[in-house]
Amino acid sequence: PYVAPSRFFDRYPPTGVELAVVPPGDRENKPVAAL
């Protein structure tokens, strides 16, 4: 689990976190075993 003193969490407000981009079709062209 992501355990650390709160001051480290304060550096990265959730609203400012950038989410990964998963474009349409990304998973469809990959083998099931890969996912």
PDB file of all heavy atoms in Angstrom:
ATOM      1  N   PRO A   1       0.832  -1.209   0.000  1.00  0.00           N
ATOM      2  CA  PRO A   1       0.000   0.000   0.000  1.00  0.00           C
ATOM      3  C   PRO A   1       0.864   1.257   0.000  1.00  0.00           C
ATOM      4  O   PRO A   1       1.994   1.246   0.496  1.00  0.00           O
ATOM      5  CB  PRO A   1      -0.803  -0.129   1.295  1.00  0.00           C
ATOM      6  CG  PRO A   1       0.090  -0.902   2.210  1.00  0.00           C
ATOM      7  CD  PRO A   1       0.815  -1.890   1.327  1.00  0.00           C
ATOM      8  N   TYR A   2       0.327   2.329  -0.555  1.00  0.00           N
ATOM      9  CA  TYR A   2       1.082   3.573  -0.687  1.00  0.00           C
ATOM     10  C   TYR A   2       1.097   4.311   0.645  1.00  0.00           C
ATOM     11  O   TYR A   2       0.215   5.121   0.948  1.00  0.00           O
ATOM     12  CB  TYR A   2       0.479   4.451  -1.776  1.00  0.00           C
ATOM     13  CG  TYR A   2       0.380   3.771  -3.116  1.00  0.00           C
ATOM     14  CD1 TYR A   2      -0.788   3.826  -3.855  1.00  0.00           C
ATOM     15  CD2 TYR A   2       1.458   3.067  -3.643  1.00  0.00           C
ATOM     16  CE1 TYR A   2      -0.881   3.197  -5.093  1.00  0.00           C
ATOM     17  CE2 TYR A   2       1.375   2.434  -4.870  1.00  0.00           C
ATOM     18  CZ  TYR A   2       0.203   2.504  -5.593  1.00  0.00           C
ATOM     19  OH  TYR A   2       0.118   1.882  -6.803  1.00  0.00           O
ATOM     20  N   VAL A   3       2.101   4.017   1.456  1.00  0.00           N
ATOM     21  CA  VAL A   3       2.210   4.605   2.789  1.00  0.00           C
ATOM     22  C   VAL A   3       3.362   5.589   2.799  1.00  0.00           C
ATOM     23  O   VAL A   3       4.483   5.261   2.404  1.00  0.00           O
ATOM     24  CB  VAL A   3       2.437   3.513   3.857  1.00  0.00           C
ATOM     25  CG1 VAL A   3       2.625   4.148   5.238  1.00  0.00           C
ATOM     26  CG2 VAL A   3       1.277   2.531   3.868  1.00  0.00           C
ATOM     27  N   ALA A   4       3.085   6.808   3.258  1.00  0.00           N
ATOM     28  CA  ALA A   4       4.113   7.837   3.375  1.00  0.00           C
ATOM     29  C   ALA A   4       3.551   8.934   4.265  1.00  0.00           C
ATOM     30  O   ALA A   4       2.331   9.075   4.404  1.00  0.00           O
ATOM     31  CB  ALA A   4       4.487   8.405   1.999  1.00  0.00           C
ATOM     32  N   PRO A   5       4.414   9.742   4.900  1.00  0.00           N
ATOM     33  CA  PRO A   5       3.915  10.887   5.679  1.00  0.00           C
ATOM     34  C   PRO A   5       3.061  11.808   4.813  1.00  0.00           C
ATOM     35  O   PRO A   5       3.282  11.942   3.609  1.00  0.00           O
ATOM     36  CB  PRO A   5       5.209  11.580   6.130  1.00  0.00           C
ATOM     37  CG  PRO A   5       6.225  10.477   6.164  1.00  0.00           C
ATOM     38  CD  PRO A   5       5.878   9.589   5.008  1.00  0.00           C
ATOM     39  N   SER A   6       2.092  12.449   5.422  1.00  0.00           N
ATOM     40  CA  SER A   6       1.109  13.257   4.693  1.00  0.00           C
ATOM     41  C   SER A   6       1.755  14.380   3.894  1.00  0.00           C
ATOM     42  O   SER A   6       1.224  14.784   2.855  1.00  0.00           O
ATOM     43  CB  SER A   6       0.071  13.830   5.655  1.00  0.00           C
ATOM     44  OG  SER A   6       0.694  14.653   6.634  1.00  0.00           O
ATOM     45  N   ARG A   7       2.904  14.885   4.352  1.00  0.00           N
ATOM     46  CA  ARG A   7       3.525  15.998   3.626  1.00  0.00           C
ATOM     47  C   ARG A   7       3.926  15.597   2.208  1.00  0.00           C
ATOM     48  O   ARG A   7       4.017  16.456   1.326  1.00  0.00           O
ATOM     49  CB  ARG A   7       4.729  16.533   4.403  1.00  0.00           C
ATOM     50  CG  ARG A   7       5.845  15.536   4.649  1.00  0.00           C
ATOM     51  CD  ARG A   7       6.890  16.123   5.613  1.00  0.00           C
ATOM     52  NE  ARG A   7       7.891  15.154   5.983  1.00  0.00           N
ATOM     53  CZ  ARG A   7       9.027  14.963   5.345  1.00  0.00           C
ATOM     54  NH1 ARG A   7       9.302  15.687   4.247  1.00  0.00           N
ATOM     55  NH2 ARG A   7       9.914  14.073   5.757  1.00  0.00           N
ATOM     56  N   PHE A   8       4.156  14.308   1.978  1.00  0.00           N
ATOM     57  CA  PHE A   8       4.489  13.863   0.623  1.00  0.00           C
ATOM     58  C   PHE A   8       3.236  13.788  -0.243  1.00  0.00           C
ATOM     59  O   PHE A   8       3.286  14.059  -1.437  1.00  0.00           O
ATOM     60  CB  PHE A   8       5.212  12.520   0.669  1.00  0.00           C
ATOM     61  CG  PHE A   8       6.574  12.596   1.288  1.00  0.00           C
ATOM     62  CD1 PHE A   8       6.780  12.219   2.609  1.00  0.00           C
ATOM     63  CD2 PHE A   8       7.660  13.077   0.569  1.00  0.00           C
ATOM     64  CE1 PHE A   8       8.036  12.293   3.189  1.00  0.00           C
ATOM     65  CE2 PHE A   8       8.922  13.161   1.138  1.00  0.00           C
ATOM     66  CZ  PHE A   8       9.112  12.776   2.452  1.00  0.00           C
ATOM     67  N   PHE A   9       2.107  13.409   0.359  1.00  0.00           N
ATOM     68  CA  PHE A   9       0.849  13.422  -0.376  1.00  0.00           C
ATOM     69  C   PHE A   9       0.457  14.858  -0.740  1.00  0.00           C
ATOM     70  O   PHE A   9      -0.118  15.095  -1.803  1.00  0.00           O
ATOM     71  CB  PHE A   9      -0.256  12.776   0.449  1.00  0.00           C
ATOM     72  CG  PHE A   9      -0.224  11.275   0.447  1.00  0.00           C
ATOM     73  CD1 PHE A   9       0.659  10.582   1.253  1.00  0.00           C
ATOM     74  CD2 PHE A   9      -1.082  10.559  -0.371  1.00  0.00           C
ATOM     75  CE1 PHE A   9       0.692   9.198   1.248  1.00  0.00           C
ATOM     76  CE2 PHE A   9      -1.059   9.169  -0.397  1.00  0.00           C
ATOM     77  CZ  PHE A   9      -0.164   8.482   0.418  1.00  0.00           C
ATOM     78  N   ASP A  10       0.780  15.791   0.140  1.00  0.00           N
ATOM     79  CA  ASP A  10       0.413  17.196  -0.111  1.00  0.00           C
ATOM     80  C   ASP A  10       1.101  17.752  -1.352  1.00  0.00           C
ATOM     81  O   ASP A  10       0.626  18.736  -1.936  1.00  0.00           O
ATOM     82  CB  ASP A  10       0.770  18.058   1.104  1.00  0.00           C
ATOM     83  CG  ASP A  10      -0.064  17.717   2.334  1.00  0.00           C
ATOM     84  OD1 ASP A  10      -1.140  17.103   2.152  1.00  0.00           O
ATOM     85  OD2 ASP A  10       0.362  18.035   3.458  1.00  0.00           O
ATOM     86  N   ARG A  11       2.200  17.168  -1.760  1.00  0.00           N
ATOM     87  CA  ARG A  11       2.909  17.647  -2.952  1.00  0.00           C
ATOM     88  C   ARG A  11       2.132  17.374  -4.239  1.00  0.00           C
ATOM     89  O   ARG A  11       2.380  18.011  -5.260  1.00  0.00           O
ATOM     90  CB  ARG A  11       4.282  16.968  -3.060  1.00  0.00           C
ATOM     91  CG  ARG A  11       5.241  17.268  -1.930  1.00  0.00           C
ATOM     92  CD  ARG A  11       6.569  16.581  -2.214  1.00  0.00           C
ATOM     93  NE  ARG A  11       7.515  16.738  -1.115  1.00  0.00           N
ATOM     94  CZ  ARG A  11       8.761  16.256  -1.135  1.00  0.00           C
ATOM     95  NH1 ARG A  11       9.189  15.605  -2.212  1.00  0.00           N
ATOM     96  NH2 ARG A  11       9.559  16.423  -0.099  1.00  0.00           N
ATOM     97  N   TYR A  12       1.219  16.405  -4.180  1.00  0.00           N
ATOM     98  CA  TYR A  12       0.552  15.958  -5.405  1.00  0.00           C
ATOM     99  C   TYR A  12      -0.968  15.962  -5.216  1.00  0.00           C
ATOM    100  O   TYR A  12      -1.581  14.901  -5.040  1.00  0.00           O
ATOM    101  CB  TYR A  12       1.028  14.550  -5.778  1.00  0.00           C
ATOM    102  CG  TYR A  12       2.528  14.419  -5.843  1.00  0.00           C
ATOM    103  CD1 TYR A  12       3.243  13.835  -4.790  1.00  0.00           C
ATOM    104  CD2 TYR A  12       3.242  14.898  -6.935  1.00  0.00           C
ATOM    105  CE1 TYR A  12       4.628  13.720  -4.835  1.00  0.00           C
ATOM    106  CE2 TYR A  12       4.627  14.787  -6.988  1.00  0.00           C
ATOM    107  CZ  TYR A  12       5.312  14.199  -5.936  1.00  0.00           C
ATOM    108  OH  TYR A  12       6.677  14.090  -5.980  1.00  0.00           O
ATOM    109  N   PRO A  13      -1.611  17.121  -5.245  1.00  0.00           N
ATOM    110  CA  PRO A  13      -3.076  17.167  -5.117  1.00  0.00           C
ATOM    111  C   PRO A  13      -3.724  16.326  -6.218  1.00  0.00           C
ATOM    112  O   PRO A  13      -3.325  16.405  -7.383  1.00  0.00           O
ATOM    113  CB  PRO A  13      -3.408  18.656  -5.299  1.00  0.00           C
ATOM    114  CG  PRO A  13      -2.126  19.373  -4.988  1.00  0.00           C
ATOM    115  CD  PRO A  13      -1.024  18.466  -5.410  1.00  0.00           C
ATOM    116  N   PRO A  14      -4.707  15.512  -5.877  1.00  0.00           N
ATOM    117  CA  PRO A  14      -5.321  14.628  -6.886  1.00  0.00           C
ATOM    118  C   PRO A  14      -5.853  15.370  -8.107  1.00  0.00           C
ATOM    119  O   PRO A  14      -5.774  14.855  -9.225  1.00  0.00           O
ATOM    120  CB  PRO A  14      -6.455  13.950  -6.101  1.00  0.00           C
ATOM    121  CG  PRO A  14      -6.021  13.995  -4.678  1.00  0.00           C
ATOM    122  CD  PRO A  14      -5.253  15.278  -4.529  1.00  0.00           C
ATOM    123  N   THR A  15      -6.380  16.551  -7.902  1.00  0.00           N
ATOM    124  CA  THR A  15      -6.944  17.293  -9.032  1.00  0.00           C
ATOM    125  C   THR A  15      -5.872  17.709 -10.034  1.00  0.00           C
ATOM    126  O   THR A  15      -6.195  18.001 -11.189  1.00  0.00           O
ATOM    127  CB  THR A  15      -7.693  18.534  -8.547  1.00  0.00           C
ATOM    128  OG1 THR A  15      -6.815  19.325  -7.713  1.00  0.00           O
ATOM    129  CG2 THR A  15      -8.926  18.145  -7.741  1.00  0.00           C
ATOM    130  N   GLY A  16      -4.619  17.740  -9.620  1.00  0.00           N
ATOM    131  CA  GLY A  16      -3.537  18.120 -10.519  1.00  0.00           C
ATOM    132  C   GLY A  16      -2.815  16.942 -11.128  1.00  0.00           C
ATOM    133  O   GLY A  16      -1.893  17.124 -11.935  1.00  0.00           O
ATOM    134  N   VAL A  17      -3.220  15.727 -10.773  1.00  0.00           N
ATOM    135  CA  VAL A  17      -2.567  14.526 -11.289  1.00  0.00           C
ATOM    136  C   VAL A  17      -3.039  14.255 -12.716  1.00  0.00           C
ATOM    137  O   VAL A  17      -4.230  14.324 -13.018  1.00  0.00           O
ATOM    138  CB  VAL A  17      -2.882  13.316 -10.385  1.00  0.00           C
ATOM    139  CG1 VAL A  17      -2.447  12.030 -11.051  1.00  0.00           C
ATOM    140  CG2 VAL A  17      -2.191  13.471  -9.035  1.00  0.00           C
ATOM    141  N   GLU A  18      -2.105  13.935 -13.590  1.00  0.00           N
ATOM    142  CA  GLU A  18      -2.433  13.643 -14.987  1.00  0.00           C
ATOM    143  C   GLU A  18      -2.699  12.150 -15.157  1.00  0.00           C
ATOM    144  O   GLU A  18      -1.887  11.319 -14.769  1.00  0.00           O
ATOM    145  CB  GLU A  18      -1.284  14.081 -15.897  1.00  0.00           C
ATOM    146  CG  GLU A  18      -1.564  13.908 -17.371  1.00  0.00           C
ATOM    147  CD  GLU A  18      -0.455  14.449 -18.249  1.00  0.00           C
ATOM    148  OE1 GLU A  18       0.401  15.199 -17.725  1.00  0.00           O
ATOM    149  OE2 GLU A  18      -0.425  14.107 -19.449  1.00  0.00           O
ATOM    150  N   LEU A  19      -3.847  11.825 -15.731  1.00  0.00           N
ATOM    151  CA  LEU A  19      -4.211  10.427 -15.947  1.00  0.00           C
ATOM    152  C   LEU A  19      -3.634   9.907 -17.263  1.00  0.00           C
ATOM    153  O   LEU A  19      -3.429  10.672 -18.210  1.00  0.00           O
ATOM    154  CB  LEU A  19      -5.735  10.271 -15.961  1.00  0.00           C
ATOM    155  CG  LEU A  19      -6.471  10.634 -14.668  1.00  0.00           C
ATOM    156  CD1 LEU A  19      -7.969  10.467 -14.860  1.00  0.00           C
ATOM    157  CD2 LEU A  19      -5.980   9.784 -13.507  1.00  0.00           C
ATOM    158  N   ALA A  20      -3.393   8.607 -17.309  1.00  0.00           N
ATOM    159  CA  ALA A  20      -2.884   7.988 -18.535  1.00  0.00           C
ATOM    160  C   ALA A  20      -3.947   8.047 -19.634  1.00  0.00           C
ATOM    161  O   ALA A  20      -5.150   7.992 -19.362  1.00  0.00           O
ATOM    162  CB  ALA A  20      -2.494   6.530 -18.272  1.00  0.00           C
ATOM    163  N   VAL A  21      -3.495   8.157 -20.864  1.00  0.00           N
ATOM    164  CA  VAL A  21      -4.391   8.171 -22.017  1.00  0.00           C
ATOM    165  C   VAL A  21      -4.518   6.754 -22.566  1.00  0.00           C
ATOM    166  O   VAL A  21      -3.520   6.094 -22.844  1.00  0.00           O
ATOM    167  CB  VAL A  21      -3.858   9.118 -23.115  1.00  0.00           C
ATOM    168  CG1 VAL A  21      -4.748   9.044 -24.355  1.00  0.00           C
ATOM    169  CG2 VAL A  21      -3.772  10.547 -22.589  1.00  0.00           C
ATOM    170  N   VAL A  22      -5.743   6.281 -22.681  1.00  0.00           N
ATOM    171  CA  VAL A  22      -6.016   4.962 -23.279  1.00  0.00           C
ATOM    172  C   VAL A  22      -6.944   5.205 -24.478  1.00  0.00           C
ATOM    173  O   VAL A  22      -8.158   5.268 -24.325  1.00  0.00           O
ATOM    174  CB  VAL A  22      -6.668   4.000 -22.280  1.00  0.00           C
ATOM    175  CG1 VAL A  22      -6.847   2.611 -22.919  1.00  0.00           C
ATOM    176  CG2 VAL A  22      -5.833   3.892 -21.011  1.00  0.00           C
ATOM    177  N   PRO A  23      -6.398   5.368 -25.662  1.00  0.00           N
ATOM    178  CA  PRO A  23      -7.222   5.699 -26.826  1.00  0.00           C
ATOM    179  C   PRO A  23      -8.107   4.530 -27.243  1.00  0.00           C
ATOM    180  O   PRO A  23      -7.806   3.373 -26.926  1.00  0.00           O
ATOM    181  CB  PRO A  23      -6.183   6.017 -27.907  1.00  0.00           C
ATOM    182  CG  PRO A  23      -4.980   5.253 -27.507  1.00  0.00           C
ATOM    183  CD  PRO A  23      -4.978   5.228 -26.010  1.00  0.00           C
ATOM    184  N   PRO A  24      -9.198   4.812 -27.950  1.00  0.00           N
ATOM    185  CA  PRO A  24     -10.061   3.740 -28.443  1.00  0.00           C
ATOM    186  C   PRO A  24      -9.265   2.743 -29.297  1.00  0.00           C
ATOM    187  O   PRO A  24      -8.445   3.137 -30.110  1.00  0.00           O
ATOM    188  CB  PRO A  24     -11.098   4.487 -29.282  1.00  0.00           C
ATOM    189  CG  PRO A  24     -11.104   5.885 -28.745  1.00  0.00           C
ATOM    190  CD  PRO A  24      -9.694   6.156 -28.308  1.00  0.00           C
ATOM    191  N   GLY A  25      -9.512   1.472 -29.071  1.00  0.00           N
ATOM    192  CA  GLY A  25      -8.842   0.431 -29.847  1.00  0.00           C
ATOM    193  C   GLY A  25      -7.502  -0.001 -29.306  1.00  0.00           C
ATOM    194  O   GLY A  25      -6.904  -0.952 -29.829  1.00  0.00           O
ATOM    195  N   ASP A  26      -7.008   0.662 -28.266  1.00  0.00           N
ATOM    196  CA  ASP A  26      -5.683   0.316 -27.736  1.00  0.00           C
ATOM    197  C   ASP A  26      -5.629  -1.128 -27.272  1.00  0.00           C
ATOM    198  O   ASP A  26      -4.699  -1.873 -27.609  1.00  0.00           O
ATOM    199  CB  ASP A  26      -5.334   1.248 -26.573  1.00  0.00           C
ATOM    200  CG  ASP A  26      -4.060   0.850 -25.852  1.00  0.00           C
ATOM    201  OD1 ASP A  26      -3.066   0.560 -26.543  1.00  0.00           O
ATOM    202  OD2 ASP A  26      -4.051   0.820 -24.604  1.00  0.00           O
ATOM    203  N   ARG A  27      -6.608  -1.581 -26.517  1.00  0.00           N
ATOM    204  CA  ARG A  27      -6.594  -2.942 -25.974  1.00  0.00           C
ATOM    205  C   ARG A  27      -7.051  -3.979 -26.995  1.00  0.00           C
ATOM    206  O   ARG A  27      -6.660  -5.147 -26.911  1.00  0.00           O
ATOM    207  CB  ARG A  27      -7.486  -2.998 -24.727  1.00  0.00           C
ATOM    208  CG  ARG A  27      -6.912  -2.235 -23.543  1.00  0.00           C
ATOM    209  CD  ARG A  27      -7.941  -2.100 -22.425  1.00  0.00           C
ATOM    210  NE  ARG A  27      -8.374  -3.380 -21.917  1.00  0.00           N
ATOM    211  CZ  ARG A  27      -7.857  -3.993 -20.839  1.00  0.00           C
ATOM    212  NH1 ARG A  27      -6.864  -3.417 -20.171  1.00  0.00           N
ATOM    213  NH2 ARG A  27      -8.330  -5.148 -20.421  1.00  0.00           N
ATOM    214  N   GLU A  28      -7.848  -3.555 -27.973  1.00  0.00           N
ATOM    215  CA  GLU A  28      -8.398  -4.502 -28.934  1.00  0.00           C
ATOM    216  C   GLU A  28      -7.330  -5.101 -29.849  1.00  0.00           C
ATOM    217  O   GLU A  28      -7.506  -6.192 -30.388  1.00  0.00           O
ATOM    218  CB  GLU A  28      -9.475  -3.831 -29.782  1.00  0.00           C
ATOM    219  CG  GLU A  28     -10.818  -3.680 -29.087  1.00  0.00           C
ATOM    220  CD  GLU A  28     -10.797  -2.677 -27.954  1.00  0.00           C
ATOM    221  OE1 GLU A  28      -9.888  -1.806 -27.939  1.00  0.00           O
ATOM    222  OE2 GLU A  28     -11.677  -2.745 -27.074  1.00  0.00           O
ATOM    223  N   ASN A  29      -6.196  -4.395 -30.051  1.00  0.00           N
ATOM    224  CA  ASN A  29      -5.175  -4.934 -30.953  1.00  0.00           C
ATOM    225  C   ASN A  29      -4.081  -5.696 -30.216  1.00  0.00           C
ATOM    226  O   ASN A  29      -3.037  -5.971 -30.787  1.00  0.00           O
ATOM    227  CB  ASN A  29      -4.568  -3.813 -31.816  1.00  0.00           C
ATOM    228  CG  ASN A  29      -3.815  -2.776 -30.996  1.00  0.00           C
ATOM    229  OD1 ASN A  29      -2.920  -3.113 -30.226  1.00  0.00           O
ATOM    230  ND2 ASN A  29      -4.163  -1.504 -31.161  1.00  0.00           N
ATOM    231  N   LYS A  30      -4.346  -6.068 -28.961  1.00  0.00           N
ATOM    232  CA  LYS A  30      -3.350  -6.774 -28.155  1.00  0.00           C
ATOM    233  C   LYS A  30      -3.891  -8.133 -27.720  1.00  0.00           C
ATOM    234  O   LYS A  30      -5.095  -8.282 -27.482  1.00  0.00           O
ATOM    235  CB  LYS A  30      -2.973  -5.930 -26.942  1.00  0.00           C
ATOM    236  CG  LYS A  30      -2.278  -4.632 -27.329  1.00  0.00           C
ATOM    237  CD  LYS A  30      -2.128  -3.679 -26.168  1.00  0.00           C
ATOM    238  CE  LYS A  30      -1.318  -2.450 -26.577  1.00  0.00           C
ATOM    239  NZ  LYS A  30      -1.908  -1.722 -27.715  1.00  0.00           N
ATOM    240  N   PRO A  31      -3.030  -9.147 -27.580  1.00  0.00           N
ATOM    241  CA  PRO A  31      -3.497 -10.458 -27.126  1.00  0.00           C
ATOM    242  C   PRO A  31      -4.091 -10.382 -25.724  1.00  0.00           C
ATOM    243  O   PRO A  31      -3.671  -9.566 -24.898  1.00  0.00           O
ATOM    244  CB  PRO A  31      -2.218 -11.315 -27.129  1.00  0.00           C
ATOM    245  CG  PRO A  31      -1.250 -10.582 -27.995  1.00  0.00           C
ATOM    246  CD  PRO A  31      -1.587  -9.130 -27.867  1.00  0.00           C
ATOM    247  N   VAL A  32      -5.061 -11.250 -25.463  1.00  0.00           N
ATOM    248  CA  VAL A  32      -5.665 -11.288 -24.132  1.00  0.00           C
ATOM    249  C   VAL A  32      -4.601 -11.558 -23.071  1.00  0.00           C
ATOM    250  O   VAL A  32      -4.614 -10.972 -21.987  1.00  0.00           O
ATOM    251  CB  VAL A  32      -6.766 -12.370 -24.086  1.00  0.00           C
ATOM    252  CG1 VAL A  32      -7.247 -12.584 -22.655  1.00  0.00           C
ATOM    253  CG2 VAL A  32      -7.925 -11.979 -24.988  1.00  0.00           C
ATOM    254  N   ALA A  33      -3.651 -12.434 -23.377  1.00  0.00           N
ATOM    255  CA  ALA A  33      -2.607 -12.785 -22.409  1.00  0.00           C
ATOM    256  C   ALA A  33      -1.770 -11.583 -21.999  1.00  0.00           C
ATOM    257  O   ALA A  33      -1.164 -11.578 -20.927  1.00  0.00           O
ATOM    258  CB  ALA A  33      -1.702 -13.871 -22.986  1.00  0.00           C
ATOM    259  N   ALA A  34      -1.721 -10.559 -22.843  1.00  0.00           N
ATOM    260  CA  ALA A  34      -0.888  -9.400 -22.564  1.00  0.00           C
ATOM    261  C   ALA A  34      -1.514  -8.458 -21.553  1.00  0.00           C
ATOM    262  O   ALA A  34      -0.821  -7.607 -20.981  1.00  0.00           O
ATOM    263  CB  ALA A  34      -0.610  -8.637 -23.858  1.00  0.00           C
ATOM    264  N   LEU A  35      -2.815  -8.582 -21.320  1.00  0.00           N
ATOM    265  CA  LEU A  35      -3.546  -7.604 -20.517  1.00  0.00           C
ATOM    266  C   LEU A  35      -3.752  -8.144 -19.109  1.00  0.00           C
ATOM    267  O   LEU A  35      -4.753  -8.802 -18.812  1.00  0.00           O
ATOM    268  CB  LEU A  35      -4.875  -7.269 -21.186  1.00  0.00           C
ATOM    269  CG  LEU A  35      -4.727  -6.687 -22.598  1.00  0.00           C
ATOM    270  CD1 LEU A  35      -6.074  -6.579 -23.288  1.00  0.00           C
ATOM    271  CD2 LEU A  35      -4.026  -5.322 -22.552  1.00  0.00           C
TER     272      LEU A  35
END
